[in-house]
Amino acid sequence: MKNPAGIRAFGDRLRLLREERGWSQQELADYADVAKMTVHRIETAQFSATLDVLFSLTKALKIPLHELMTVPGTEEPS
């Protein structure tokens, strides 16, 4: 893994978005049509999500990809 801090931050972001909806990992997995273990591994930085999984997650969360990928505090200054 080349960017472990970024992968951890992304996992934290996914967990936050999931919890804001009051969903369990299983519920997100069901809505996104991925395995619960996939959600768990992303949230715990054990796995780097593929583009296919990212699209599934954004569809389930009903947000654009950039919103899922934007980790607060890591934006480039304007």
PDB file of N, CA and C in Angstrom:
ATOM      1  N   MET A   1       0.853  -1.172   0.000  1.00  0.00           N
ATOM      2  CA  MET A   1       0.000   0.000   0.000  1.00  0.00           C
ATOM      3  C   MET A   1       0.898   1.235   0.000  1.00  0.00           C
ATOM      4  N   LYS A   2       0.717   2.080  -0.984  1.00  0.00           N
ATOM      5  CA  LYS A   2       1.589   3.243  -1.145  1.00  0.00           C
ATOM      6  C   LYS A   2       1.162   4.447  -0.311  1.00  0.00           C
ATOM      7  N   ASN A   3      -0.112   4.542   0.035  1.00  0.00           N
ATOM      8  CA  ASN A   3      -0.621   5.709   0.760  1.00  0.00           C
ATOM      9  C   ASN A   3      -1.474   5.292   1.957  1.00  0.00           C
ATOM     10  N   PRO A   4      -0.860   4.659   2.958  1.00  0.00           N
ATOM     11  CA  PRO A   4      -1.653   4.138   4.073  1.00  0.00           C
ATOM     12  C   PRO A   4      -2.442   5.208   4.829  1.00  0.00           C
ATOM     13  N   ALA A   5      -1.894   6.408   4.972  1.00  0.00           N
ATOM     14  CA  ALA A   5      -2.623   7.466   5.686  1.00  0.00           C
ATOM     15  C   ALA A   5      -3.869   7.872   4.903  1.00  0.00           C
ATOM     16  N   GLY A   6      -3.751   7.969   3.600  1.00  0.00           N
ATOM     17  CA  GLY A   6      -4.900   8.308   2.765  1.00  0.00           C
ATOM     18  C   GLY A   6      -5.953   7.211   2.778  1.00  0.00           C
ATOM     19  N   ILE A   7      -5.519   5.966   2.778  1.00  0.00           N
ATOM     20  CA  ILE A   7      -6.452   4.836   2.814  1.00  0.00           C
ATOM     21  C   ILE A   7      -7.192   4.826   4.153  1.00  0.00           C
ATOM     22  N   ARG A   8      -6.477   5.113   5.239  1.00  0.00           N
ATOM     23  CA  ARG A   8      -7.128   5.201   6.562  1.00  0.00           C
ATOM     24  C   ARG A   8      -8.132   6.345   6.591  1.00  0.00           C
ATOM     25  N   ALA A   9      -7.742   7.497   6.068  1.00  0.00           N
ATOM     26  CA  ALA A   9      -8.639   8.652   6.049  1.00  0.00           C
ATOM     27  C   ALA A   9      -9.881   8.370   5.205  1.00  0.00           C
ATOM     28  N   PHE A  10      -9.703   7.677   4.088  1.00  0.00           N
ATOM     29  CA  PHE A  10     -10.845   7.320   3.256  1.00  0.00           C
ATOM     30  C   PHE A  10     -11.778   6.371   3.997  1.00  0.00           C
ATOM     31  N   GLY A  11     -11.214   5.392   4.685  1.00  0.00           N
ATOM     32  CA  GLY A  11     -12.027   4.465   5.475  1.00  0.00           C
ATOM     33  C   GLY A  11     -12.817   5.182   6.548  1.00  0.00           C
ATOM     34  N   ASP A  12     -12.180   6.151   7.192  1.00  0.00           N
ATOM     35  CA  ASP A  12     -12.873   6.956   8.205  1.00  0.00           C
ATOM     36  C   ASP A  12     -14.012   7.757   7.573  1.00  0.00           C
ATOM     37  N   ARG A  13     -13.772   8.293   6.377  1.00  0.00           N
ATOM     38  CA  ARG A  13     -14.789   9.066   5.659  1.00  0.00           C
ATOM     39  C   ARG A  13     -15.985   8.181   5.315  1.00  0.00           C
ATOM     40  N   LEU A  14     -15.714   6.984   4.813  1.00  0.00           N
ATOM     41  CA  LEU A  14     -16.789   6.061   4.472  1.00  0.00           C
ATOM     42  C   LEU A  14     -17.594   5.702   5.720  1.00  0.00           C
ATOM     43  N   ARG A  15     -16.910   5.422   6.821  1.00  0.00           N
ATOM     44  CA  ARG A  15     -17.599   5.095   8.070  1.00  0.00           C
ATOM     45  C   ARG A  15     -18.494   6.258   8.512  1.00  0.00           C
ATOM     46  N   LEU A  16     -17.981   7.479   8.433  1.00  0.00           N
ATOM     47  CA  LEU A  16     -18.753   8.650   8.820  1.00  0.00           C
ATOM     48  C   LEU A  16     -20.018   8.777   7.969  1.00  0.00           C
ATOM     49  N   LEU A  17     -19.883   8.657   6.663  1.00  0.00           N
ATOM     50  CA  LEU A  17     -21.035   8.766   5.771  1.00  0.00           C
ATOM     51  C   LEU A  17     -22.052   7.662   6.051  1.00  0.00           C
ATOM     52  N   ARG A  18     -21.570   6.470   6.320  1.00  0.00           N
ATOM     53  CA  ARG A  18     -22.457   5.341   6.636  1.00  0.00           C
ATOM     54  C   ARG A  18     -23.190   5.596   7.946  1.00  0.00           C
ATOM     55  N   GLU A  19     -22.449   6.011   8.969  1.00  0.00           N
ATOM     56  CA  GLU A  19     -23.050   6.238  10.284  1.00  0.00           C
ATOM     57  C   GLU A  19     -24.018   7.417  10.275  1.00  0.00           C
ATOM     58  N   GLU A  20     -23.749   8.441   9.444  1.00  0.00           N
ATOM     59  CA  GLU A  20     -24.680   9.566   9.325  1.00  0.00           C
ATOM     60  C   GLU A  20     -26.061   9.091   8.863  1.00  0.00           C
ATOM     61  N   ARG A  21     -26.071   8.019   8.114  1.00  0.00           N
ATOM     62  CA  ARG A  21     -27.330   7.461   7.616  1.00  0.00           C
ATOM     63  C   ARG A  21     -27.933   6.448   8.590  1.00  0.00           C
ATOM     64  N   GLY A  22     -27.193   6.136   9.644  1.00  0.00           N
ATOM     65  CA  GLY A  22     -27.679   5.166  10.613  1.00  0.00           C
ATOM     66  C   GLY A  22     -27.618   3.736  10.102  1.00  0.00           C
ATOM     67  N   TRP A  23     -26.733   3.485   9.139  1.00  0.00           N
ATOM     68  CA  TRP A  23     -26.633   2.166   8.530  1.00  0.00           C
ATOM     69  C   TRP A  23     -25.537   1.340   9.188  1.00  0.00           C
ATOM     70  N   SER A  24     -25.761   0.050   9.258  1.00  0.00           N
ATOM     71  CA  SER A  24     -24.717  -0.891   9.663  1.00  0.00           C
ATOM     72  C   SER A  24     -23.826  -1.161   8.440  1.00  0.00           C
ATOM     73  N   GLN A  25     -22.710  -1.802   8.675  1.00  0.00           N
ATOM     74  CA  GLN A  25     -21.861  -2.198   7.548  1.00  0.00           C
ATOM     75  C   GLN A  25     -22.636  -3.129   6.619  1.00  0.00           C
ATOM     76  N   GLN A  26     -23.448  -4.008   7.174  1.00  0.00           N
ATOM     77  CA  GLN A  26     -24.219  -4.940   6.360  1.00  0.00           C
ATOM     78  C   GLN A  26     -25.231  -4.204   5.490  1.00  0.00           C
ATOM     79  N   GLU A  27     -25.873  -3.183   6.059  1.00  0.00           N
ATOM     80  CA  GLU A  27     -26.842  -2.422   5.271  1.00  0.00           C
ATOM     81  C   GLU A  27     -26.168  -1.709   4.101  1.00  0.00           C
ATOM     82  N   LEU A  28     -25.030  -1.066   4.352  1.00  0.00           N
ATOM     83  CA  LEU A  28     -24.311  -0.416   3.254  1.00  0.00           C
ATOM     84  C   LEU A  28     -23.902  -1.445   2.217  1.00  0.00           C
ATOM     85  N   ALA A  29     -23.403  -2.564   2.665  1.00  0.00           N
ATOM     86  CA  ALA A  29     -22.988  -3.624   1.743  1.00  0.00           C
ATOM     87  C   ALA A  29     -24.169  -4.072   0.886  1.00  0.00           C
ATOM     88  N   ASP A  30     -25.320  -4.245   1.508  1.00  0.00           N
ATOM     89  CA  ASP A  30     -26.509  -4.666   0.760  1.00  0.00           C
ATOM     90  C   ASP A  30     -26.912  -3.611  -0.268  1.00  0.00           C
ATOM     91  N   TYR A  31     -26.953  -2.341   0.140  1.00  0.00           N
ATOM     92  CA  TYR A  31     -27.337  -1.274  -0.784  1.00  0.00           C
ATOM     93  C   TYR A  31     -26.341  -1.139  -1.935  1.00  0.00           C
ATOM     94  N   ALA A  32     -25.065  -1.365  -1.650  1.00  0.00           N
ATOM     95  CA  ALA A  32     -24.016  -1.220  -2.660  1.00  0.00           C
ATOM     96  C   ALA A  32     -23.759  -2.510  -3.443  1.00  0.00           C
ATOM     97  N   ASP A  33     -24.404  -3.602  -3.023  1.00  0.00           N
ATOM     98  CA  ASP A  33     -24.215  -4.907  -3.658  1.00  0.00           C
ATOM     99  C   ASP A  33     -22.747  -5.341  -3.618  1.00  0.00           C
ATOM    100  N   VAL A  34     -22.158  -5.191  -2.439  1.00  0.00           N
ATOM    101  CA  VAL A  34     -20.806  -5.687  -2.175  1.00  0.00           C
ATOM    102  C   VAL A  34     -20.858  -6.517  -0.897  1.00  0.00           C
ATOM    103  N   ALA A  35     -19.805  -7.229  -0.612  1.00  0.00           N
ATOM    104  CA  ALA A  35     -19.751  -8.041   0.604  1.00  0.00           C
ATOM    105  C   ALA A  35     -19.544  -7.154   1.832  1.00  0.00           C
ATOM    106  N   LYS A  36     -20.140  -7.554   2.943  1.00  0.00           N
ATOM    107  CA  LYS A  36     -19.945  -6.827   4.202  1.00  0.00           C
ATOM    108  C   LYS A  36     -18.453  -6.754   4.532  1.00  0.00           C
ATOM    109  N   MET A  37     -17.731  -7.819   4.266  1.00  0.00           N
ATOM    110  CA  MET A  37     -16.291  -7.836   4.547  1.00  0.00           C
ATOM    111  C   MET A  37     -15.567  -6.767   3.732  1.00  0.00           C
ATOM    112  N   THR A  38     -16.044  -6.470   2.538  1.00  0.00           N
ATOM    113  CA  THR A  38     -15.441  -5.406   1.734  1.00  0.00           C
ATOM    114  C   THR A  38     -15.581  -4.067   2.438  1.00  0.00           C
ATOM    115  N   VAL A  39     -16.796  -3.773   2.925  1.00  0.00           N
ATOM    116  CA  VAL A  39     -17.017  -2.523   3.656  1.00  0.00           C
ATOM    117  C   VAL A  39     -16.123  -2.486   4.892  1.00  0.00           C
ATOM    118  N   HIS A  40     -16.081  -3.569   5.628  1.00  0.00           N
ATOM    119  CA  HIS A  40     -15.255  -3.632   6.836  1.00  0.00           C
ATOM    120  C   HIS A  40     -13.776  -3.386   6.500  1.00  0.00           C
ATOM    121  N   ARG A  41     -13.289  -4.035   5.478  1.00  0.00           N
ATOM    122  CA  ARG A  41     -11.867  -3.897   5.115  1.00  0.00           C
ATOM    123  C   ARG A  41     -11.535  -2.492   4.636  1.00  0.00           C
ATOM    124  N   ILE A  42     -12.465  -1.844   3.945  1.00  0.00           N
ATOM    125  CA  ILE A  42     -12.225  -0.457   3.523  1.00  0.00           C
ATOM    126  C   ILE A  42     -12.192   0.450   4.742  1.00  0.00           C
ATOM    127  N   GLU A  43     -13.177   0.292   5.629  1.00  0.00           N
ATOM    128  CA  GLU A  43     -13.264   1.171   6.800  1.00  0.00           C
ATOM    129  C   GLU A  43     -12.097   0.983   7.761  1.00  0.00           C
ATOM    130  N   THR A  44     -11.493  -0.189   7.783  1.00  0.00           N
ATOM    131  CA  THR A  44     -10.362  -0.450   8.682  1.00  0.00           C
ATOM    132  C   THR A  44      -9.024  -0.392   7.959  1.00  0.00           C
ATOM    133  N   ALA A  45      -9.029   0.153   6.750  1.00  0.00           N
ATOM    134  CA  ALA A  45      -7.802   0.373   5.955  1.00  0.00           C
ATOM    135  C   ALA A  45      -7.032  -0.909   5.683  1.00  0.00           C
ATOM    136  N   GLN A  46      -7.749  -2.006   5.539  1.00  0.00           N
ATOM    137  CA  GLN A  46      -7.105  -3.271   5.181  1.00  0.00           C
ATOM    138  C   GLN A  46      -7.173  -3.509   3.679  1.00  0.00           C
ATOM    139  N   PHE A  47      -7.926  -2.653   2.982  1.00  0.00           N
ATOM    140  CA  PHE A  47      -8.226  -2.885   1.572  1.00  0.00           C
ATOM    141  C   PHE A  47      -8.363  -1.537   0.886  1.00  0.00           C
ATOM    142  N   SER A  48      -7.825  -1.435  -0.292  1.00  0.00           N
ATOM    143  CA  SER A  48      -7.981  -0.242  -1.109  1.00  0.00           C
ATOM    144  C   SER A  48      -9.074  -0.528  -2.135  1.00  0.00           C
ATOM    145  N   ALA A  49     -10.139   0.233  -2.110  1.00  0.00           N
ATOM    146  CA  ALA A  49     -11.297  -0.022  -2.959  1.00  0.00           C
ATOM    147  C   ALA A  49     -10.977   0.149  -4.436  1.00  0.00           C
ATOM    148  N   THR A  50     -11.563  -0.715  -5.242  1.00  0.00           N
ATOM    149  CA  THR A  50     -11.448  -0.586  -6.696  1.00  0.00           C
ATOM    150  C   THR A  50     -12.412   0.490  -7.177  1.00  0.00           C
ATOM    151  N   LEU A  51     -12.225   0.937  -8.385  1.00  0.00           N
ATOM    152  CA  LEU A  51     -13.119   1.924  -8.963  1.00  0.00           C
ATOM    153  C   LEU A  51     -14.540   1.379  -9.041  1.00  0.00           C
ATOM    154  N   ASP A  52     -14.695   0.120  -9.360  1.00  0.00           N
ATOM    155  CA  ASP A  52     -16.010  -0.508  -9.425  1.00  0.00           C
ATOM    156  C   ASP A  52     -16.709  -0.440  -8.066  1.00  0.00           C
ATOM    157  N   VAL A  53     -15.992  -0.739  -6.989  1.00  0.00           N
ATOM    158  CA  VAL A  53     -16.567  -0.680  -5.640  1.00  0.00           C
ATOM    159  C   VAL A  53     -16.878   0.766  -5.268  1.00  0.00           C
ATOM    160  N   LEU A  54     -16.015   1.697  -5.642  1.00  0.00           N
ATOM    161  CA  LEU A  54     -16.278   3.107  -5.360  1.00  0.00           C
ATOM    162  C   LEU A  54     -17.580   3.563  -6.007  1.00  0.00           C
ATOM    163  N   PHE A  55     -17.803   3.176  -7.264  1.00  0.00           N
ATOM    164  CA  PHE A  55     -19.048   3.537  -7.939  1.00  0.00           C
ATOM    165  C   PHE A  55     -20.248   2.912  -7.237  1.00  0.00           C
ATOM    166  N   SER A  56     -20.115   1.678  -6.797  1.00  0.00           N
ATOM    167  CA  SER A  56     -21.213   1.013  -6.075  1.00  0.00           C
ATOM    168  C   SER A  56     -21.520   1.731  -4.771  1.00  0.00           C
ATOM    169  N   LEU A  57     -20.488   2.154  -4.066  1.00  0.00           N
ATOM    170  CA  LEU A  57     -20.683   2.869  -2.799  1.00  0.00           C
ATOM    171  C   LEU A  57     -21.358   4.216  -3.018  1.00  0.00           C
ATOM    172  N   THR A  58     -20.923   4.955  -4.042  1.00  0.00           N
ATOM    173  CA  THR A  58     -21.530   6.256  -4.287  1.00  0.00           C
ATOM    174  C   THR A  58     -22.989   6.124  -4.705  1.00  0.00           C
ATOM    175  N   LYS A  59     -23.292   5.085  -5.455  1.00  0.00           N
ATOM    176  CA  LYS A  59     -24.689   4.849  -5.843  1.00  0.00           C
ATOM    177  C   LYS A  59     -25.526   4.550  -4.602  1.00  0.00           C
ATOM    178  N   ALA A  60     -25.017   3.712  -3.712  1.00  0.00           N
ATOM    179  CA  ALA A  60     -25.740   3.359  -2.490  1.00  0.00           C
ATOM    180  C   ALA A  60     -25.922   4.573  -1.585  1.00  0.00           C
ATOM    181  N   LEU A  61     -24.879   5.390  -1.457  1.00  0.00           N
ATOM    182  CA  LEU A  61     -24.924   6.569  -0.591  1.00  0.00           C
ATOM    183  C   LEU A  61     -25.635   7.756  -1.252  1.00  0.00           C
ATOM    184  N   LYS A  62     -25.874   7.640  -2.562  1.00  0.00           N
ATOM    185  CA  LYS A  62     -26.528   8.697  -3.347  1.00  0.00           C
ATOM    186  C   LYS A  62     -25.757  10.014  -3.271  1.00  0.00           C
ATOM    187  N   ILE A  63     -24.457   9.882  -3.512  1.00  0.00           N
ATOM    188  CA  ILE A  63     -23.579  11.053  -3.533  1.00  0.00           C
ATOM    189  C   ILE A  63     -22.656  10.946  -4.740  1.00  0.00           C
ATOM    190  N   PRO A  64     -22.132  12.085  -5.221  1.00  0.00           N
ATOM    191  CA  PRO A  64     -21.165  12.023  -6.318  1.00  0.00           C
ATOM    192  C   PRO A  64     -19.822  11.473  -5.824  1.00  0.00           C
ATOM    193  N   LEU A  65     -19.073  10.909  -6.727  1.00  0.00           N
ATOM    194  CA  LEU A  65     -17.781  10.306  -6.382  1.00  0.00           C
ATOM    195  C   LEU A  65     -16.870  11.292  -5.660  1.00  0.00           C
ATOM    196  N   HIS A  66     -16.821  12.532  -6.110  1.00  0.00           N
ATOM    197  CA  HIS A  66     -15.918  13.500  -5.478  1.00  0.00           C
ATOM    198  C   HIS A  66     -16.269  13.715  -4.010  1.00  0.00           C
ATOM    199  N   GLU A  67     -17.545  13.606  -3.654  1.00  0.00           N
ATOM    200  CA  GLU A  67     -17.927  13.779  -2.256  1.00  0.00           C
ATOM    201  C   GLU A  67     -17.424  12.624  -1.395  1.00  0.00           C
ATOM    202  N   LEU A  68     -17.464  11.434  -1.942  1.00  0.00           N
ATOM    203  CA  LEU A  68     -16.929  10.277  -1.218  1.00  0.00           C
ATOM    204  C   LEU A  68     -15.413  10.389  -1.068  1.00  0.00           C
ATOM    205  N   MET A  69     -14.770  10.909  -2.087  1.00  0.00           N
ATOM    206  CA  MET A  69     -13.302  10.976  -2.099  1.00  0.00           C
ATOM    207  C   MET A  69     -12.739  12.170  -1.336  1.00  0.00           C
ATOM    208  N   THR A  70     -13.572  13.146  -0.994  1.00  0.00           N
ATOM    209  CA  THR A  70     -13.087  14.333  -0.300  1.00  0.00           C
ATOM    210  C   THR A  70     -13.019  14.056   1.191  1.00  0.00           C
ATOM    211  N   VAL A  71     -11.811  13.974   1.678  1.00  0.00           N
ATOM    212  CA  VAL A  71     -11.587  13.736   3.107  1.00  0.00           C
ATOM    213  C   VAL A  71     -11.359  15.091   3.757  1.00  0.00           C
ATOM    214  N   PRO A  72     -12.227  15.494   4.690  1.00  0.00           N
ATOM    215  CA  PRO A  72     -12.079  16.807   5.331  1.00  0.00           C
ATOM    216  C   PRO A  72     -10.663  17.025   5.876  1.00  0.00           C
ATOM    217  N   GLY A  73     -10.154  18.218   5.619  1.00  0.00           N
ATOM    218  CA  GLY A  73      -8.827  18.579   6.109  1.00  0.00           C
ATOM    219  C   GLY A  73      -7.697  18.230   5.147  1.00  0.00           C
ATOM    220  N   THR A  74      -8.028  17.613   4.012  1.00  0.00           N
ATOM    221  CA  THR A  74      -6.976  17.241   3.074  1.00  0.00           C
ATOM    222  C   THR A  74      -7.091  17.989   1.748  1.00  0.00           C
ATOM    223  N   GLU A  75      -8.028  18.943   1.663  1.00  0.00           N
ATOM    224  CA  GLU A  75      -8.210  19.675   0.427  1.00  0.00           C
ATOM    225  C   GLU A  75      -6.995  20.563   0.156  1.00  0.00           C
ATOM    226  N   GLU A  76      -6.730  20.733  -1.118  1.00  0.00           N
ATOM    227  CA  GLU A  76      -5.649  21.628  -1.529  1.00  0.00           C
ATOM    228  C   GLU A  76      -6.085  23.064  -1.297  1.00  0.00           C
ATOM    229  N   PRO A  77      -5.193  23.940  -0.816  1.00  0.00           N
ATOM    230  CA  PRO A  77      -5.555  25.358  -0.659  1.00  0.00           C
ATOM    231  C   PRO A  77      -5.827  25.982  -2.029  1.00  0.00           C
ATOM    232  N   SER A  78      -6.760  26.937  -2.094  1.00  0.00           N
ATOM    233  CA  SER A  78      -7.098  27.590  -3.372  1.00  0.00           C
ATOM    234  C   SER A  78      -6.123  28.684  -3.686  1.00  0.00           C
TER     235      SER A  78
END
